Protein backbone atom coordinates (compact mmCIF):
# COMPACT_ATOMS: atom_id res chain seq x y z
CA MET A 1 95.97 50.03 89.14
CA ASP A 2 98.58 49.54 91.87
CA HIS A 3 101.19 51.57 89.99
CA LEU A 4 98.74 54.54 89.86
CA ASN A 5 97.99 54.50 93.55
CA HIS A 6 101.37 53.73 95.08
CA LYS A 7 101.86 57.34 96.21
CA LEU A 8 98.46 57.71 97.85
CA VAL A 9 98.57 58.05 101.62
CA SER A 10 96.08 56.31 103.88
CA GLY A 11 95.52 56.35 107.61
CA PRO A 12 95.96 59.11 110.15
CA GLN A 13 98.95 61.43 109.76
CA LYS A 14 101.05 62.86 112.60
CA ARG A 15 100.31 66.58 112.63
CA THR A 16 102.35 69.57 113.76
CA GLN A 17 100.91 70.75 117.07
CA SER A 18 99.58 74.27 117.49
CA HIS A 19 101.41 76.23 120.18
CA LEU A 20 99.68 79.60 120.10
CA PRO A 21 99.81 81.24 123.55
CA SER A 22 96.51 81.61 125.38
CA ASP A 23 97.29 85.09 126.73
CA PHE A 24 99.19 87.93 125.10
CA LYS A 25 99.26 91.69 124.53
CA ASN A 26 96.17 93.17 122.83
CA LYS A 27 94.34 89.82 122.92
CA ALA A 28 91.17 91.55 124.14
CA LEU A 29 91.82 94.92 122.45
CA TYR A 30 88.69 94.67 120.31
CA THR A 31 86.47 92.95 122.89
CA LEU A 32 83.61 95.12 124.14
CA GLU A 33 83.02 94.28 127.77
CA GLY A 34 80.45 95.60 130.23
CA ASP A 35 77.64 97.94 129.31
CA ARG A 36 77.81 99.24 125.76
CA LYS A 37 76.72 102.80 125.21
CA TYR A 38 75.75 103.73 121.66
CA THR A 39 74.42 107.18 122.50
CA ARG A 40 77.86 108.83 122.51
CA GLN A 41 79.13 110.99 119.68
CA PHE A 42 82.27 110.10 117.70
CA PHE A 43 84.16 113.31 118.50
CA SER A 44 86.09 111.64 121.33
CA MET A 45 87.24 108.86 119.02
CA TYR A 46 88.51 111.30 116.38
CA GLU A 47 90.14 113.42 119.08
CA HIS A 48 91.99 110.43 120.49
CA ARG A 49 93.11 109.40 116.99
CA SER A 50 94.48 112.87 116.37
CA LYS A 51 96.28 112.96 119.74
CA MET A 52 97.94 109.64 118.97
CA LEU A 53 98.93 110.26 115.35
CA LYS A 54 99.40 114.03 114.90
CA PRO A 55 102.57 114.21 117.06
CA ARG A 56 103.99 111.27 115.10
CA VAL A 57 103.15 112.99 111.80
CA ASP A 58 104.74 116.23 113.01
CA ARG A 59 107.87 114.33 114.08
CA GLU A 60 108.25 112.81 110.64
CA ALA A 61 107.45 116.09 108.87
CA HIS A 62 110.05 117.96 110.93
CA ARG A 63 112.61 115.31 109.99
CA VAL A 64 111.84 115.59 106.25
CA TRP A 65 110.83 119.24 105.81
CA GLY A 66 112.05 121.01 108.94
CA HIS A 67 111.04 124.55 109.91
CA ASN A 68 112.73 127.50 108.23
CA SER A 69 115.71 125.21 107.49
CA ARG A 70 115.01 123.77 104.04
CA GLU A 71 114.85 125.96 100.96
CA VAL A 72 112.83 125.16 97.81
CA ASN A 73 113.00 127.51 94.81
CA GLY A 74 114.20 130.37 96.96
CA LYS A 75 111.54 129.87 99.65
CA PHE A 76 112.12 128.44 103.12
CA ILE A 77 109.60 125.84 104.30
CA GLN A 78 107.55 127.04 107.26
CA HIS A 79 105.63 124.91 109.76
CA LYS A 80 102.10 126.03 110.59
CA GLU A 81 100.55 124.75 113.80
CA LYS A 82 97.01 125.25 112.50
CA ILE A 83 95.34 125.32 109.11
CA LEU A 84 93.97 128.76 109.96
CA ASP A 85 97.58 130.07 110.17
CA ILE A 86 98.33 129.33 106.49
CA LEU A 87 99.15 132.45 104.47
CA SER A 88 98.52 132.73 100.76
CA GLY A 89 101.62 132.13 98.61
CA GLU A 90 103.76 130.89 101.51
CA LEU A 91 105.51 127.51 101.22
CA CYS A 92 104.58 125.63 104.37
CA TRP A 93 103.46 122.36 105.84
CA VAL A 94 100.64 121.53 108.22
CA SER A 95 99.15 118.34 109.63
CA GLY A 96 95.57 117.29 110.18
CA THR A 97 92.86 114.73 109.45
CA VAL A 98 91.68 113.99 105.92
CA PHE A 99 88.00 114.38 105.08
CA ILE A 100 86.63 113.48 101.64
CA ASP A 101 83.25 114.66 100.42
CA MET A 102 81.78 112.29 97.82
CA LYS A 103 78.55 112.24 95.89
CA HIS A 104 77.25 108.81 96.95
CA LYS A 105 78.51 108.71 100.53
CA LEU A 106 75.80 107.95 103.07
CA ASN A 107 74.45 111.06 104.75
CA ILE A 108 72.31 110.84 107.88
CA LEU A 109 70.98 114.36 107.31
CA HIS A 110 69.55 113.30 103.96
CA ASP A 111 67.96 110.25 105.62
CA VAL A 112 66.36 112.45 108.28
CA GLU A 113 65.05 114.75 105.58
CA LYS A 114 63.46 111.79 103.77
CA GLY A 115 62.12 110.30 107.00
CA VAL A 116 64.02 107.00 106.64
CA ASP A 117 66.62 107.52 109.37
CA ASP A 118 65.19 104.59 111.39
CA LEU A 119 66.12 102.09 108.66
CA LEU A 120 69.53 100.61 107.94
CA PRO A 121 70.44 102.23 104.60
CA GLN A 122 71.66 100.27 101.62
CA THR A 123 75.41 100.71 101.24
CA PRO A 124 76.36 102.07 97.80
CA ALA A 125 78.71 100.05 95.61
CA LYS A 126 80.88 103.16 95.11
CA TYR A 127 81.05 106.54 96.79
CA VAL A 128 82.31 108.29 93.64
CA ASP A 129 81.44 108.23 89.94
CA GLY A 130 82.71 109.71 86.72
CA GLU A 131 80.32 112.64 86.83
CA SER A 132 81.55 114.31 89.99
CA ASP A 133 85.00 114.43 91.58
CA ALA A 134 85.61 113.84 95.26
CA VAL A 135 86.64 116.90 97.26
CA VAL A 136 89.63 116.09 99.48
CA MET A 137 90.11 118.32 102.52
CA LEU A 138 92.46 118.55 105.48
CA GLU A 139 90.92 119.63 108.77
CA ASP A 140 91.92 120.38 112.33
CA GLU A 141 90.29 122.18 115.25
CA SER A 142 90.76 125.54 113.49
CA GLY A 143 89.24 124.84 110.08
CA ARG A 144 89.53 123.11 106.72
CA ALA A 145 91.55 123.52 103.54
CA ILE A 146 90.79 121.88 100.17
CA LEU A 147 93.76 119.86 98.90
CA HIS A 148 94.64 120.09 95.22
CA ASN A 149 96.98 117.91 93.15
CA PRO A 150 94.90 115.24 91.39
CA GLU A 151 97.82 112.95 90.52
CA LEU A 152 99.35 112.92 94.00
CA LEU A 153 95.96 112.44 95.64
CA ARG A 154 95.16 109.55 93.30
CA THR A 155 98.42 107.68 93.94
CA SER A 156 98.36 108.32 97.68
CA GLY A 157 95.03 106.52 98.11
CA LEU A 158 93.93 108.87 100.90
CA VAL A 159 90.57 108.18 102.53
CA THR A 160 88.58 109.93 105.22
CA GLY A 161 90.13 109.57 108.67
CA CYS A 162 93.84 109.49 107.73
CA VAL A 163 96.10 111.76 109.77
CA VAL A 164 98.83 113.15 107.51
CA GLY A 165 101.07 116.13 106.93
CA VAL A 166 100.97 118.10 103.66
CA LEU A 167 103.60 120.37 102.13
CA GLY A 168 102.45 123.02 99.67
CA ILE A 169 101.25 126.54 98.93
CA GLU A 170 97.83 128.12 99.30
CA ILE A 171 97.04 129.18 95.72
CA GLN A 172 93.76 130.86 96.57
CA ALA A 173 91.63 131.26 99.65
CA GLY A 174 90.97 127.83 101.17
CA ILE A 175 92.70 125.83 98.39
CA PHE A 176 96.09 124.27 99.18
CA GLU A 177 98.26 122.98 96.30
CA ILE A 178 100.15 120.05 97.80
CA MET A 179 103.62 118.87 96.77
CA GLU A 180 104.41 116.07 99.23
CA LEU A 181 102.82 114.04 102.02
CA ALA A 182 104.15 112.94 105.40
CA TYR A 183 102.85 109.98 107.39
CA PRO A 184 103.02 109.05 111.08
CA THR A 185 106.26 107.66 112.46
CA PRO A 186 105.56 103.90 112.54
CA ALA A 187 104.95 102.27 115.89
CA PRO A 188 107.68 99.77 116.84
CA GLN A 189 107.40 96.04 116.30
CA GLU A 190 107.50 93.63 119.22
CA PRO A 191 110.72 91.54 119.14
CA ARG A 192 110.43 87.87 118.20
CA ARG A 193 112.15 85.25 120.33
CA ASP A 194 114.98 83.04 119.13
CA PRO A 195 113.43 80.21 117.03
CA SER A 196 115.73 77.71 118.75
CA ASN A 197 113.72 78.22 121.94
CA THR A 198 110.32 77.58 120.32
CA GLY A 199 110.63 74.05 119.00
CA PRO A 200 112.66 71.82 116.67
CA GLN A 201 114.57 73.74 113.99
CA ASP A 202 113.39 71.48 111.17
CA SER A 203 109.67 71.63 112.03
CA ASP A 204 107.61 74.09 110.04
CA ASP A 205 104.56 75.69 111.59
CA TRP A 206 102.06 76.45 108.84
CA VAL A 207 98.73 78.14 109.56
CA ALA A 208 95.97 77.95 106.96
CA PHE A 209 93.83 81.01 106.26
CA VAL A 210 90.53 80.68 104.42
CA SER A 211 87.71 83.19 103.99
CA GLY A 212 84.39 83.53 102.22
CA LEU A 213 83.15 79.95 102.57
CA GLN A 214 79.63 81.40 102.14
CA VAL A 215 77.86 78.21 103.21
CA ASP A 216 74.24 77.98 102.03
CA LYS A 217 71.89 75.43 100.44
CA GLU A 218 74.08 75.32 97.32
CA THR A 219 77.10 74.15 99.36
CA SER A 220 75.88 70.56 99.21
CA PHE A 221 76.58 70.63 95.47
CA ASP A 222 80.03 72.25 95.77
CA LEU A 223 82.71 69.54 95.68
CA ARG A 224 85.42 71.97 96.86
CA MET A 225 84.12 72.07 100.45
CA PRO A 226 84.58 68.33 101.14
CA LEU A 227 87.88 68.43 99.24
CA LEU A 228 89.07 71.24 101.53
CA GLN A 229 88.02 69.27 104.60
CA GLN A 230 89.75 66.11 103.39
CA TRP A 231 92.95 67.98 102.53
CA LEU A 232 93.04 69.71 105.92
CA CYS A 233 92.60 66.33 107.58
CA GLY A 234 95.40 64.76 105.53
CA GLU A 235 93.03 62.45 103.66
CA LEU A 236 93.51 63.82 100.14
CA GLY A 237 96.30 63.58 97.59
CA GLY A 238 99.69 61.92 97.55
CA GLU A 239 102.75 62.05 99.77
CA ASP A 240 103.58 65.69 99.04
CA ASP A 241 100.03 66.82 99.82
CA ALA A 242 99.95 64.78 103.02
CA GLU A 243 103.34 66.15 104.09
CA LEU A 244 102.19 69.74 103.61
CA SER A 245 98.80 69.28 105.27
CA ARG A 246 100.52 67.52 108.20
CA LYS A 247 102.48 70.71 108.87
CA VAL A 248 99.32 72.81 109.10
CA SER A 249 98.83 73.36 112.82
CA ARG A 250 95.71 75.54 112.74
CA LEU A 251 92.94 76.77 110.44
CA VAL A 252 91.87 80.42 110.68
CA ILE A 253 88.52 81.20 109.04
CA VAL A 254 88.62 84.90 108.20
CA GLY A 255 84.95 85.88 108.01
CA ASN A 256 81.95 85.30 105.75
CA SER A 257 81.47 81.66 106.72
CA ILE A 258 77.69 81.85 106.28
CA ALA A 259 75.96 83.23 103.18
CA ARG A 260 73.07 85.61 103.45
CA THR A 261 69.75 84.73 101.87
CA GLU A 262 68.50 86.99 99.12
CA GLN A 263 65.91 89.49 100.27
CA GLU A 264 63.21 91.17 98.29
CA VAL A 265 64.22 94.82 98.13
CA ASN A 266 61.58 97.17 99.47
CA THR A 267 62.14 100.64 98.05
CA ASP A 268 58.96 102.01 99.57
CA PHE A 269 60.55 102.97 102.89
CA SER A 270 57.46 104.83 104.03
CA SER A 271 55.50 101.57 104.15
CA ALA A 272 58.06 99.76 106.31
CA ASN A 273 57.19 99.39 109.97
CA ASN A 274 58.27 97.44 112.99
CA PHE A 275 56.61 94.34 111.59
CA GLY A 276 57.76 94.85 108.00
CA SER A 277 60.57 93.52 105.85
CA LYS A 278 63.28 95.44 107.66
CA ASN A 279 63.12 92.90 110.53
CA THR A 280 63.24 89.82 108.30
CA SER A 281 66.13 87.45 109.01
CA ARG A 282 68.75 87.23 106.29
CA PHE A 283 70.06 83.85 107.44
CA SER A 284 68.87 80.30 106.87
CA PRO A 285 69.11 77.78 109.73
CA ASP A 286 69.96 75.12 107.15
CA SER A 287 73.16 77.02 106.33
CA LEU A 288 74.21 76.91 109.99
CA VAL A 289 73.62 73.15 110.12
CA LEU A 290 75.68 72.56 106.97
CA PHE A 291 78.51 74.70 108.31
CA SER A 292 78.39 72.93 111.68
CA ASP A 293 78.63 69.52 110.00
CA TRP A 294 81.62 70.60 107.89
CA LEU A 295 83.34 72.22 110.85
CA SER A 296 82.98 69.14 113.06
CA GLU A 297 84.90 67.08 110.49
CA VAL A 298 87.74 69.62 110.45
CA LEU A 299 87.87 69.93 114.25
CA ALA A 300 88.52 66.21 114.50
CA SER A 301 91.95 66.82 112.97
CA LEU A 302 93.12 70.34 113.80
CA PRO A 303 92.14 73.37 115.89
CA VAL A 304 90.20 76.23 114.30
CA SER A 305 90.02 79.97 114.98
CA ILE A 306 87.12 81.86 113.43
CA LEU A 307 86.45 85.55 112.87
CA PRO A 308 83.01 86.96 111.99
CA GLY A 309 82.56 88.76 108.69
CA GLU A 310 80.14 91.03 106.91
CA SER A 311 77.79 88.22 105.82
CA ASP A 312 77.86 86.27 109.09
CA PRO A 313 74.98 86.31 111.61
CA CYS A 314 76.47 88.86 113.97
CA GLU A 315 76.43 92.58 114.63
CA VAL A 316 77.19 95.12 111.91
CA CYS A 317 79.37 97.53 113.92
CA LEU A 318 83.12 97.13 114.02
CA PRO A 319 84.80 95.64 115.88
CA GLN A 320 82.52 92.66 115.37
CA GLN A 321 82.31 90.54 118.48
CA PRO A 322 82.94 86.77 118.48
CA MET A 323 80.19 84.66 116.95
CA HIS A 324 77.81 83.28 119.57
CA ARG A 325 78.35 79.66 120.60
CA SER A 326 74.75 78.77 119.69
CA LEU A 327 75.61 79.29 116.01
CA PHE A 328 78.00 76.32 116.06
CA GLY A 329 75.40 73.63 116.76
CA LYS A 330 77.03 70.31 117.67
CA ASN A 331 80.38 72.08 118.07
CA SER A 332 79.18 74.56 120.70
CA ALA A 333 80.83 72.55 123.51
CA PHE A 334 84.25 73.23 121.95
CA VAL A 335 83.83 77.02 121.72
CA ASN A 336 86.60 78.95 123.49
CA THR A 337 88.65 75.85 124.12
CA SER A 338 91.96 75.04 122.45
CA THR A 339 89.94 73.24 119.76
CA LEU A 340 87.68 76.10 118.59
CA THR A 341 88.51 79.73 119.28
CA THR A 342 86.08 82.51 118.40
CA LEU A 343 87.74 85.86 117.72
CA THR A 344 86.68 89.44 117.16
CA ASN A 345 87.00 91.16 113.79
CA PRO A 346 89.63 92.54 113.58
CA ALA A 347 91.78 90.49 115.94
CA TRP A 348 95.36 90.03 117.12
CA ILE A 349 96.96 86.58 117.13
CA GLN A 350 100.37 85.72 118.55
CA GLY A 351 102.70 82.92 117.48
CA SER A 352 104.78 80.78 119.78
CA ASP A 353 107.93 82.86 119.12
CA GLY A 354 106.22 86.21 119.64
CA LEU A 355 105.09 86.66 116.03
CA ARG A 356 102.42 89.37 116.07
CA VAL A 357 99.59 88.83 113.60
CA LEU A 358 96.79 91.28 112.80
CA VAL A 359 93.79 89.77 111.00
CA SER A 360 90.76 91.46 109.42
CA SER A 361 87.78 90.01 107.57
CA GLY A 362 88.13 92.68 104.91
CA GLN A 363 85.49 95.35 105.48
CA ASN A 364 88.21 97.96 105.95
CA ILE A 365 89.80 97.26 102.54
CA ASP A 366 86.42 96.85 100.82
CA ASP A 367 85.38 100.28 102.06
CA MET A 368 88.59 101.86 100.82
CA ALA A 369 87.87 100.40 97.36
CA LYS A 370 84.65 102.41 97.24
CA TYR A 371 86.70 105.61 97.23
CA THR A 372 87.91 104.74 93.71
CA GLN A 373 85.91 104.54 90.49
CA ALA A 374 87.44 101.23 89.37
CA GLY A 375 87.52 99.55 92.79
CA PHE A 376 90.10 96.87 93.60
CA THR A 377 90.26 94.28 90.80
CA THR A 378 93.61 92.56 91.50
CA ASN A 379 95.69 91.51 94.48
CA THR A 380 98.07 94.35 93.59
CA ASP A 381 95.30 96.84 94.38
CA VAL A 382 94.47 95.06 97.63
CA LEU A 383 98.08 94.79 98.82
CA LYS A 384 98.67 98.44 97.98
CA ALA A 385 95.67 99.43 100.11
CA MET A 386 96.90 97.21 102.95
CA GLY A 387 100.25 98.94 102.73
CA HIS A 388 98.51 102.31 102.95
CA THR A 389 96.90 101.32 106.26
CA MET A 390 100.34 100.46 107.60
CA LYS A 391 101.71 103.84 106.47
CA TRP A 392 98.72 105.62 108.00
CA GLN A 393 99.08 103.52 111.19
CA ASN A 394 95.32 103.02 111.25
CA ILE A 395 93.74 99.85 109.87
CA ILE A 396 90.19 101.23 109.64
CA PRO A 397 90.52 104.99 109.04
CA THR A 398 87.09 105.23 107.38
CA ALA A 399 85.31 104.23 110.61
CA PRO A 400 83.11 105.84 111.77
CA ASP A 401 82.58 108.01 108.67
CA THR A 402 81.66 105.33 106.11
CA LEU A 403 81.94 102.17 108.23
CA TYR A 404 79.77 101.51 111.26
CA CYS A 405 81.76 101.18 114.46
CA TYR A 406 81.32 101.35 118.21
CA PRO A 407 81.51 104.93 119.59
CA TYR A 408 84.62 104.61 121.74
CA GLU A 409 84.98 107.31 124.36
CA LYS A 410 88.61 107.14 125.47
CA GLU A 411 90.40 105.35 122.65
CA ASP A 412 90.59 104.50 118.97
CA PRO A 413 91.68 100.85 118.91
CA PHE A 414 92.06 100.90 115.14
CA THR A 415 95.07 103.23 115.50
CA LEU A 416 98.23 101.15 115.83
CA ASP A 417 100.45 101.41 118.89
CA GLU A 418 102.53 98.55 117.50
CA THR A 419 103.31 97.40 113.96
CA PRO A 420 102.47 93.73 113.26
CA HIS A 421 104.87 91.24 111.68
CA LEU A 422 102.04 89.69 109.66
CA TYR A 423 98.89 91.42 108.40
CA VAL A 424 96.13 89.23 106.91
CA VAL A 425 92.95 90.47 105.24
CA GLY A 426 90.23 88.10 104.04
CA ASN A 427 87.45 88.13 101.43
CA GLN A 428 89.40 89.91 98.70
CA VAL A 429 89.29 89.52 94.92
CA GLU A 430 92.59 87.63 94.69
CA SER A 431 95.07 85.97 97.02
CA GLY A 432 98.58 87.36 97.20
CA SER A 433 101.40 88.46 99.46
CA GLU A 434 104.07 91.14 99.67
CA MET A 435 106.79 92.08 102.14
CA PHE A 436 106.11 95.73 102.94
CA GLU A 437 108.61 98.09 104.54
CA VAL A 438 107.30 100.80 106.84
CA GLY A 439 110.02 102.80 108.56
CA GLN A 440 112.55 100.35 109.99
CA SER A 441 110.03 97.50 110.14
CA LYS A 442 108.94 94.87 107.64
CA VAL A 443 105.35 93.60 107.50
CA GLN A 444 104.28 90.52 105.55
CA LEU A 445 101.01 91.49 103.86
CA VAL A 446 98.70 88.60 102.94
CA SER A 447 95.47 88.91 100.95
CA VAL A 448 93.07 85.94 101.15
CA SER A 449 90.41 85.67 98.46
CA GLY A 450 86.91 84.31 99.03
CA PHE A 451 86.97 80.50 98.87
CA ARG A 452 83.60 80.22 97.18
CA ASP A 453 84.78 82.51 94.37
CA THR A 454 88.34 81.24 93.89
CA GLY A 455 88.84 78.01 95.86
CA ASP A 456 91.98 79.47 97.49
CA VAL A 457 93.47 78.56 100.86
CA VAL A 458 96.52 80.57 101.89
CA LEU A 459 99.21 78.98 104.06
CA VAL A 460 101.63 81.10 106.10
CA ASN A 461 104.68 79.70 107.81
CA PHE A 462 104.66 81.30 111.26
CA LYS A 463 108.42 80.76 111.59
CA THR A 464 109.69 82.08 108.24
CA LEU A 465 106.64 84.07 106.99
CA GLN A 466 106.78 82.12 103.74
CA VAL A 467 103.42 82.15 101.94
CA LYS A 468 101.85 79.42 99.77
CA THR A 469 98.46 79.24 98.07
CA VAL A 470 96.59 75.96 97.66
CA LYS A 471 93.79 76.07 95.07
CA PHE A 472 90.78 73.74 94.94
CA GLN A 473 89.00 73.53 91.59
C-alpha cells in the first residue's frame, strides 16, 4: 500500500496569507445606516439613475451618430432632446429609460384589486410566455415610445431600467423602428498598483468563491460538504491538491448558504391573517447548527467572507444587509474580525494591489433571465447577461421594478461610478469565466454555480485574474 499513498500529504500546510485591506473606496456603499424609511416613492431613485447615465449615453451617441453630421440613405441623423420631439419619418436618435410591459410581471394594482396587497406575492418563474410578446418602450419625462425591431431587441437583452440611446425612425404614431443602440460611456477603472510592491513575485494569491451550499437536514448525507472543508484546509488529495489549496488565502461564500424549508402553499389569500401561514418561518434551526459546525472547521484554516443570498435568513430587499452574528452560533465571536467578515449583497471587495472586485449573490442575473422565455441554461447565457450589466453600467437595472430594493432618496448605488476589474455572480446554472471589454477597460466576468447542484468551487487569482474550477463529485 505504501506505493499508493506516497504522494498523500499529511500535517498542516503553510498557507498564503490574506492581505485584503480593511478600508477602501465603496466598502460601505451598500450598507444602510441610521433610520431606514420605506415610505418613500422610487421616483427619486429613477431620477438619479437618469441624471447619472443619460449624459453618458448622449456623449456616446454624439460620438457615434452625431447631430446633422452623419448621413444614412440620403437622410441626416438628428438628435432629439425629448421623445415628444420625434417627428414621423425623420431619422433621429433619442435617449431614455427602458420600460418593458410583460404579461406575468407583478402588479401592485392587481394585488390591491384582489385585496391581497398585504401579502408577499409569489414571484413568477417567467415574466413572459409564448402567448403574448413583451412590449418594449423608451420613456423620459415627456412621454413614451414603443420600440420595434424584434431581432435587435432580442439580441440586446434589454430589461426594464436600462438607460440607452436608440437610433431609428418613427413609422407610425408612438412606434419607433430602431436600427442601433448606444450605451453609457463606461466609468473608469481604478488603477492597480505595481505587483512588485504587494508581495513576492512568485506567490500566487488565490481566492475561492463558492455559492449555493443550501445547508439543510440532508447535508449530513452529502459527502461533498466535508470533502470541500477538507480540501480548503489542505487535508485532502495529493501534493498537487495540497499545493493549490495552500495558495487559497480566503473563501468567499456568495449567498444561499442556508436552504429554505418547504412550505405548504396557501392559495386562499382571503383566509390568511396575522396569525396565519404568511408569518411561518421558512428556516430550520438545525440547518443553522449544521452550517455553523461546518464553518468552524473552515475558519480554523483560512478566513471567510460571506454574502447573504435569496434563500438565507435575512431581508428580501436589495441591497441585503450582512447576516446577523446570531446566525453563526459558535462562530459569532469571530464576526467582523479578520477571520469572518460579513458583507452586504452586492458588495465591493478590494485586493492588496488595488484590484476592485464586485460580487453579487445572483438575484440580479436571475431576474434578467425571467425576461426571456428560455431563461439562462448555460454559462454562456449568464456571462452574456453579466456583460450586459457592464455595458448598461447598472448591475441591478430591474430594481425596483421587478426586484425589491430599498427606496433610496438621493442616489442609485446600483449605477456604476467605476468599472470593476473582477465581477463575480453566484448561484448560477454553470460556472464559467470570460474577459469582457467595455470601452477601454477589461473586466473578468466569473459565474459561480450552486455548490449543491454542481459541486463547483471557483478559484480566482487576485494577481493575474486567472480562473480555475475545482469540482467535487
